[in-house]
Amino acid sequence: MTATGTLLGLGVTVAPATADPEARPGPMTGFVEGSPGTVGTGWTGPLVVAGFSTTDDFVYRLRVRGPGGYDFRDRFELDEGQSMREEVELSPVTTPGRYRARLDDENGAVDDLRFVVAGDDGPLLTIDQAPPAVFLPRVVDGLRDTATLTFALARPSSVVGEVLDADGRVLRRDPLGRLGSGAAERWTWDGVAAGRVVDRGTYTMRVTASADGRTVTESRVVRVASYRALVDRRVDRAGMTTSSRSPGGCRLAATEGRGLDVDCRGAADGAEVRYWFATGTRAVRWRVDGDGTASRSTRRLGRGTAVVVSVPAGARWRTDRVAAAWQSRVLR
C-alpha cells in the first residue's frame, strides 16, 4: 500500500514520493518552535526560528499577529548551504486573546504555532494540545494507549478532569488539585471508568478550572477503539532532508539527487542529521538508505518519527535517496 502522507525533515516539508522516477522535491523550508501555550501581558518571547538552504539563497519571513492590531514581522536571509537557528525577541504582547506566529518561505507557509495572552478578562483555561482523536486502551498488540489532554492556566486554579459518555453522563471524575499558572499541565485518561475499560465509542474529556470566583470549562472529544489492524506502508525516493547541527567543521552539501552529503573528514566533531516522517500513526519499522559511516536511531517527535543519523568526526555519509518502510496501527 502506498503512503499518502508527506515526508518531512525536522518540520521541513518535502514532496511525497511519486510514480515519476525523475520527480524531485522542492527546496527546503524551515520551522518555528517554542509555543508558550498561555502567557501574560508583556510577554516578548523568544520564539525559535530554524531553517536550512541546500540549493541557493533563501529567504524566510516570520509574522506574529494578534488582537488589538498586533503585527510583528522579521526576515531572515540564508546563503546557499547555510543553516540558521535564531531566538527572536518579539515586541511586547499587550492585548489578551489568541495569537498566531506564522513562518513563510518563498513558496508559502511552512509552519506556525499559536499561543494565548491572558489578562484579567482573558481566558483562564486554554487547551494547548488535544488528546488523540482515537486510542486503544486494550493490550492487543503489546501496546496500551492512553489519551492525554495538555492545558495551561492563566492563574493558579483548582482543576477537575471528567470523562463523559455520548449521553453526557459523567463516568469518571479526577480531582487534579490546585495547579499553578504558566507551565503546561497534563491530564491522562487510560480508558478506564468504574474499574473497567470502557466500551468502544465516543467520549468527552472535560477539564474545569476555578479561580477568583470564576469557573471555566474546556472539553475535547475522543474515540475509544476496540481493535487494530497493521497496514504496510512505504515511501521511496523521498530525497531532501536537513541537518540539526554541524559543529567542528563538517561540510554539508546537496547531492545531485537532492539528498545530502555530510563530510566530517578532518573535522573536530561529528554532525547529526534528522529525517522526520509524518505518518500520523505509530511507526514500528524504519529504513534509511545511505553510504558511509554513520549510526542510526529513531525517536518519536510530535505527530511523526525522526530517524537520526549521527556522522562521527573523520567520517563521511551521503544519500541520494531516503526510503522508509513501516507498519501503521490502524484503529477501528
Protein backbone atom coordinates (compact mmCIF):
# COMPACT_ATOMS: atom_id res chain seq x y z
CA MET A 1 0.00 0.00 0.00
CA THR A 2 1.44 3.39 -0.97
CA ALA A 3 1.70 6.01 1.76
CA THR A 4 -0.39 9.10 1.18
CA GLY A 5 1.34 11.22 3.83
CA THR A 6 4.15 13.70 3.30
CA LEU A 7 7.77 13.09 4.22
CA LEU A 8 9.18 15.87 6.35
CA GLY A 9 12.63 16.82 7.61
CA LEU A 10 12.56 18.23 11.15
CA GLY A 11 9.46 20.30 10.44
CA VAL A 12 10.59 20.75 6.83
CA THR A 13 8.05 19.98 4.13
CA VAL A 14 9.23 17.69 1.34
CA ALA A 15 7.18 16.41 -1.58
CA PRO A 16 5.97 12.80 -1.21
CA ALA A 17 7.20 10.02 -3.44
CA THR A 18 5.69 9.96 -6.92
CA ALA A 19 5.43 7.46 -9.75
CA ASP A 20 7.76 9.61 -11.90
CA PRO A 21 11.34 8.33 -11.34
CA GLU A 22 12.75 11.74 -12.28
CA ALA A 23 10.49 13.69 -9.91
CA ARG A 24 12.31 15.76 -7.32
CA PRO A 25 11.07 17.51 -4.18
CA GLY A 26 11.11 21.29 -3.96
CA PRO A 27 13.53 23.47 -1.99
CA MET A 28 13.90 23.22 1.75
CA THR A 29 11.78 25.11 4.25
CA GLY A 30 12.04 25.75 7.99
CA PHE A 31 10.15 25.69 11.25
CA VAL A 32 9.22 27.87 14.21
CA GLU A 33 9.03 26.44 17.72
CA GLY A 34 8.77 27.45 21.36
CA SER A 35 4.98 27.50 21.69
CA PRO A 36 4.36 29.06 25.12
CA GLY A 37 0.72 27.98 25.46
CA THR A 38 -0.63 30.72 27.70
CA VAL A 39 1.40 33.81 28.65
CA GLY A 40 0.73 37.06 30.47
CA THR A 41 0.63 40.55 29.02
CA GLY A 42 4.04 42.00 28.26
CA TRP A 43 5.49 38.69 27.03
CA THR A 44 8.31 39.12 24.48
CA GLY A 45 9.30 35.53 23.67
CA PRO A 46 11.64 34.27 22.49
CA LEU A 47 10.41 32.18 19.57
CA VAL A 48 12.94 29.94 17.82
CA VAL A 49 13.13 30.05 14.01
CA ALA A 50 15.26 27.47 12.21
CA GLY A 51 15.90 26.56 8.61
CA PHE A 52 18.41 25.28 6.07
CA SER A 53 19.03 26.06 2.40
CA THR A 54 20.70 23.50 0.14
CA THR A 55 20.04 24.91 -3.33
CA ASP A 56 20.55 28.67 -3.50
CA ASP A 57 19.96 31.85 -1.50
CA PHE A 58 16.79 31.61 0.53
CA VAL A 59 14.50 33.96 2.49
CA TYR A 60 12.25 33.23 5.48
CA ARG A 61 9.62 35.59 6.86
CA LEU A 62 8.14 35.41 10.36
CA ARG A 63 4.88 37.18 11.15
CA VAL A 64 3.09 37.20 14.52
CA ARG A 65 -0.46 38.61 14.58
CA GLY A 66 -3.00 39.06 17.32
CA PRO A 67 -5.84 41.23 18.65
CA GLY A 68 -5.50 44.99 19.05
CA GLY A 69 -3.70 45.28 15.71
CA TYR A 70 -0.61 43.41 16.92
CA ASP A 71 1.60 42.67 13.90
CA PHE A 72 5.25 41.69 14.42
CA ARG A 73 7.47 40.86 11.42
CA ASP A 74 11.02 39.63 10.92
CA ARG A 75 13.04 38.46 7.93
CA PHE A 76 15.95 36.01 7.60
CA GLU A 77 18.20 35.61 4.57
CA LEU A 78 20.31 32.48 4.06
CA ASP A 79 23.14 31.85 1.63
CA GLU A 80 23.42 28.56 -0.23
CA GLY A 81 24.24 25.73 2.19
CA GLN A 82 23.70 27.92 5.24
CA SER A 83 21.65 26.84 8.26
CA MET A 84 20.18 29.03 10.98
CA ARG A 85 18.66 28.84 14.43
CA GLU A 86 17.56 32.25 15.71
CA GLU A 87 15.95 33.22 19.02
CA VAL A 88 13.54 36.03 18.11
CA GLU A 89 12.53 38.61 20.69
CA LEU A 90 9.04 39.99 19.98
CA SER A 91 7.63 43.38 20.69
CA PRO A 92 5.59 43.05 23.93
CA VAL A 93 2.12 41.49 23.56
CA THR A 94 -0.36 43.60 25.50
CA THR A 95 -3.90 42.68 24.42
CA PRO A 96 -5.46 39.45 25.80
CA GLY A 97 -6.57 36.93 23.20
CA ARG A 98 -5.28 34.37 20.73
CA TYR A 99 -2.10 34.98 18.70
CA ARG A 100 -0.57 33.17 15.73
CA ALA A 101 3.09 33.03 14.66
CA ARG A 102 3.48 32.03 11.01
CA LEU A 103 6.68 31.25 9.10
CA ASP A 104 6.76 31.58 5.31
CA ASP A 105 9.42 30.85 2.75
CA GLU A 106 9.46 31.79 -0.91
CA ASN A 107 6.92 29.05 -1.63
CA GLY A 108 4.35 29.99 1.02
CA ALA A 109 3.50 28.98 4.58
CA VAL A 110 5.67 26.26 6.09
CA ASP A 111 4.96 26.25 9.82
CA ASP A 112 3.01 28.07 12.51
CA LEU A 113 2.20 27.99 16.21
CA ARG A 114 -0.47 29.60 18.36
CA PHE A 115 -0.49 30.96 21.87
CA VAL A 116 -2.84 32.84 24.19
CA VAL A 117 -2.24 36.07 26.08
CA ALA A 118 -4.25 36.08 29.29
CA GLY A 119 -5.19 39.26 31.15
CA ASP A 120 -7.79 39.95 33.82
CA ASP A 121 -10.51 39.44 31.23
CA GLY A 122 -8.57 36.85 29.23
CA PRO A 123 -9.11 33.08 29.16
CA LEU A 124 -8.46 31.32 32.46
CA LEU A 125 -8.01 27.89 30.86
CA THR A 126 -6.73 27.03 27.39
CA ILE A 127 -6.15 23.69 25.68
CA ASP A 128 -2.60 23.55 24.31
CA GLN A 129 -2.83 20.04 22.84
CA ALA A 130 -5.92 17.90 22.37
CA PRO A 131 -5.92 14.17 23.12
CA PRO A 132 -5.66 11.78 20.16
CA ALA A 133 -8.79 11.50 18.05
CA VAL A 134 -8.81 7.75 18.68
CA PHE A 135 -6.90 5.48 21.07
CA LEU A 136 -6.84 1.82 22.09
CA PRO A 137 -6.76 1.23 25.87
CA ARG A 138 -6.64 -2.57 25.49
CA VAL A 139 -3.47 -4.61 25.10
CA VAL A 140 -3.89 -6.43 21.80
CA ASP A 141 -0.51 -5.78 20.14
CA GLY A 142 1.78 -5.28 23.12
CA LEU A 143 0.74 -1.64 23.46
CA ARG A 144 -1.81 0.07 25.68
CA ASP A 145 -2.70 3.58 24.55
CA THR A 146 -3.75 6.48 26.75
CA ALA A 147 -5.34 9.83 25.92
CA THR A 148 -3.59 12.95 27.24
CA LEU A 149 -5.03 16.45 27.24
CA THR A 150 -2.47 19.27 27.71
CA PHE A 151 -3.68 22.61 29.06
CA ALA A 152 -2.44 25.84 30.61
CA LEU A 153 -3.84 28.15 33.31
CA ALA A 154 -3.63 31.93 33.38
CA ARG A 155 -3.78 31.91 37.21
CA PRO A 156 -3.43 29.25 39.91
CA SER A 157 -6.70 27.31 39.87
CA SER A 158 -8.48 24.29 41.30
CA VAL A 159 -8.85 21.81 38.46
CA VAL A 160 -11.04 18.75 37.89
CA GLY A 161 -10.91 16.33 34.95
CA GLU A 162 -14.02 14.38 33.93
CA VAL A 163 -14.89 11.75 31.33
CA LEU A 164 -18.40 11.81 29.88
CA ASP A 165 -20.16 9.29 27.66
CA ALA A 166 -22.04 10.12 24.45
CA ASP A 167 -25.18 10.93 26.50
CA GLY A 168 -23.34 13.43 28.71
CA ARG A 169 -23.19 11.21 31.81
CA VAL A 170 -20.06 11.58 33.95
CA LEU A 171 -18.27 8.21 34.02
CA ARG A 172 -15.11 9.30 35.80
CA ARG A 173 -14.03 12.29 37.88
CA ASP A 174 -10.35 13.03 38.62
CA PRO A 175 -9.68 15.90 41.06
CA LEU A 176 -6.35 17.31 39.86
CA GLY A 177 -5.94 19.66 42.82
CA ARG A 178 -4.72 23.25 42.79
CA LEU A 179 -2.35 23.82 39.89
CA GLY A 180 -0.08 26.74 39.13
CA SER A 181 -0.08 29.03 36.11
CA GLY A 182 2.29 29.26 33.16
CA ALA A 183 3.62 25.71 32.81
CA ALA A 184 1.88 23.11 30.68
CA GLU A 185 -0.31 20.72 32.70
CA ARG A 186 -1.31 17.23 31.53
CA TRP A 187 -4.27 15.05 32.37
CA THR A 188 -4.16 11.46 31.10
CA TRP A 189 -7.05 9.03 30.79
CA ASP A 190 -6.27 5.32 30.50
CA GLY A 191 -9.69 4.39 29.11
CA VAL A 192 -10.87 3.03 32.46
CA ALA A 193 -14.06 4.09 34.27
CA ALA A 194 -15.70 2.37 37.24
CA GLY A 195 -12.85 -0.13 37.38
CA ARG A 196 -13.02 -1.42 33.80
CA VAL A 197 -12.05 -0.42 30.29
CA VAL A 198 -14.96 1.39 28.65
CA ASP A 199 -16.69 0.04 25.56
CA ARG A 200 -15.86 1.16 22.06
CA GLY A 201 -17.42 4.53 21.32
CA THR A 202 -17.17 8.32 21.59
CA TYR A 203 -16.36 10.07 24.88
CA THR A 204 -15.59 13.58 26.08
CA MET A 205 -12.60 14.60 28.20
CA ARG A 206 -13.60 17.73 30.13
CA VAL A 207 -11.39 19.98 32.29
CA THR A 208 -12.87 22.54 34.68
CA ALA A 209 -10.75 25.26 36.34
CA SER A 210 -11.93 27.54 39.17
CA ALA A 211 -10.14 30.65 40.48
CA ASP A 212 -11.15 34.01 41.96
CA GLY A 213 -14.86 33.23 41.68
CA ARG A 214 -14.59 32.22 38.00
CA THR A 215 -15.17 28.75 36.60
CA VAL A 216 -14.16 27.82 33.06
CA THR A 217 -14.64 24.51 31.27
CA GLU A 218 -12.92 23.19 28.13
CA SER A 219 -13.53 19.79 26.55
CA ARG A 220 -12.38 17.61 23.67
CA VAL A 221 -13.95 14.52 22.08
CA VAL A 222 -12.05 11.22 21.86
CA ARG A 223 -12.97 7.86 20.39
CA VAL A 224 -12.13 4.54 22.04
CA ALA A 225 -11.27 1.77 19.60
CA SER A 226 -11.78 -1.95 20.19
CA TYR A 227 -9.17 -3.45 17.86
CA ARG A 228 -6.38 -2.58 15.46
CA ALA A 229 -5.03 -3.68 12.09
CA LEU A 230 -1.44 -3.38 10.84
CA VAL A 231 -1.04 -1.85 7.37
CA ASP A 232 2.23 -1.99 5.42
CA ARG A 233 3.32 1.40 4.10
CA ARG A 234 6.35 2.61 2.18
CA VAL A 235 7.92 5.84 0.94
CA ASP A 236 10.66 5.70 -1.70
CA ARG A 237 12.80 8.31 -3.38
CA ALA A 238 11.91 10.98 -0.87
CA GLY A 239 15.11 12.99 -1.30
CA MET A 240 15.78 16.10 0.76
CA THR A 241 16.46 16.47 4.44
CA THR A 242 18.12 18.93 6.81
CA SER A 243 20.83 18.99 9.47
CA SER A 244 20.12 19.90 13.10
CA ARG A 245 23.75 20.71 13.86
CA SER A 246 27.10 20.67 12.07
CA PRO A 247 29.85 21.60 14.54
CA GLY A 248 33.58 21.25 14.23
CA GLY A 249 33.93 21.99 10.53
CA CYS A 250 31.75 19.30 8.95
CA ARG A 251 30.79 20.18 5.39
CA LEU A 252 27.18 19.86 4.25
CA ALA A 253 26.21 19.88 0.59
CA ALA A 254 23.25 18.85 -1.52
CA THR A 255 23.68 15.89 -3.85
CA GLU A 256 22.51 15.86 -7.45
CA GLY A 257 19.53 13.79 -6.38
CA ARG A 258 18.71 16.41 -3.74
CA GLY A 259 19.88 14.22 -0.93
CA LEU A 260 22.64 15.28 1.45
CA ASP A 261 26.43 14.84 1.60
CA VAL A 262 27.81 15.19 5.15
CA ASP A 263 31.62 15.26 5.14
CA CYS A 264 33.26 15.22 8.60
CA ARG A 265 36.72 14.09 7.43
CA GLY A 266 39.22 16.33 9.15
CA ALA A 267 36.53 17.80 11.41
CA ALA A 268 36.95 18.15 15.17
CA ASP A 269 33.44 16.85 15.83
CA GLY A 270 30.66 15.00 14.07
CA ALA A 271 27.25 16.02 12.77
CA GLU A 272 23.68 14.89 13.30
CA VAL A 273 21.04 14.68 10.55
CA ARG A 274 17.35 14.11 11.24
CA TYR A 275 14.76 12.76 8.82
CA TRP A 276 11.25 13.36 10.09
CA PHE A 277 8.46 11.17 8.67
CA ALA A 278 4.92 12.45 9.22
CA THR A 279 2.90 9.25 9.32
CA GLY A 280 0.07 10.27 11.62
CA THR A 281 0.32 6.84 13.23
CA ARG A 282 2.72 4.86 15.40
CA ALA A 283 5.54 3.58 13.19
CA VAL A 284 7.21 0.32 14.11
CA ARG A 285 9.72 -0.38 11.29
CA TRP A 286 12.07 2.08 9.53
CA ARG A 287 14.89 2.06 7.00
CA VAL A 288 17.01 4.93 5.71
CA ASP A 289 19.42 4.21 2.87
CA GLY A 290 22.83 5.85 2.68
CA ASP A 291 26.52 5.23 2.01
CA GLY A 292 29.31 5.85 4.50
CA THR A 293 29.97 5.64 8.23
CA ALA A 294 27.06 6.60 10.45
CA SER A 295 24.93 5.26 13.26
CA ARG A 296 21.15 5.44 13.08
CA SER A 297 18.43 5.61 15.70
CA THR A 298 14.76 6.56 15.86
CA ARG A 299 12.79 8.76 18.20
CA ARG A 300 9.20 9.88 18.38
CA LEU A 301 8.65 13.56 17.57
CA GLY A 302 5.16 15.03 17.77
CA ARG A 303 2.98 13.50 15.05
CA GLY A 304 5.84 11.64 13.38
CA THR A 305 9.05 9.72 13.87
CA ALA A 306 12.58 11.05 13.36
CA VAL A 307 15.35 8.85 12.05
CA VAL A 308 18.57 10.33 13.44
CA VAL A 309 21.80 9.73 11.53
CA SER A 310 24.95 10.53 13.54
CA VAL A 311 28.13 11.02 11.49
CA PRO A 312 31.32 10.85 13.63
CA ALA A 313 34.41 13.00 13.20
CA GLY A 314 36.65 11.70 10.43
CA ALA A 315 33.77 10.05 8.56
CA ARG A 316 31.54 10.87 5.59
CA TRP A 317 27.90 9.96 4.92
CA ARG A 318 25.96 10.55 1.73
CA THR A 319 22.47 9.74 0.49
CA ASP A 320 20.66 10.45 -2.76
CA ARG A 321 17.52 8.77 -1.53
CA VAL A 322 15.67 8.34 1.71
CA ALA A 323 13.48 5.26 1.69
CA ALA A 324 11.30 4.16 4.58
CA ALA A 325 9.11 1.15 5.22
CA TRP A 326 6.90 0.77 8.26
CA GLN A 327 3.70 -0.64 9.63
CA SER A 328 0.89 1.62 10.75
CA ARG A 329 -1.54 0.73 13.52
CA VAL A 330 -4.99 1.48 12.16
CA LEU A 331 -7.54 1.61 14.96
CA ARG A 332 -11.15 0.56 14.48
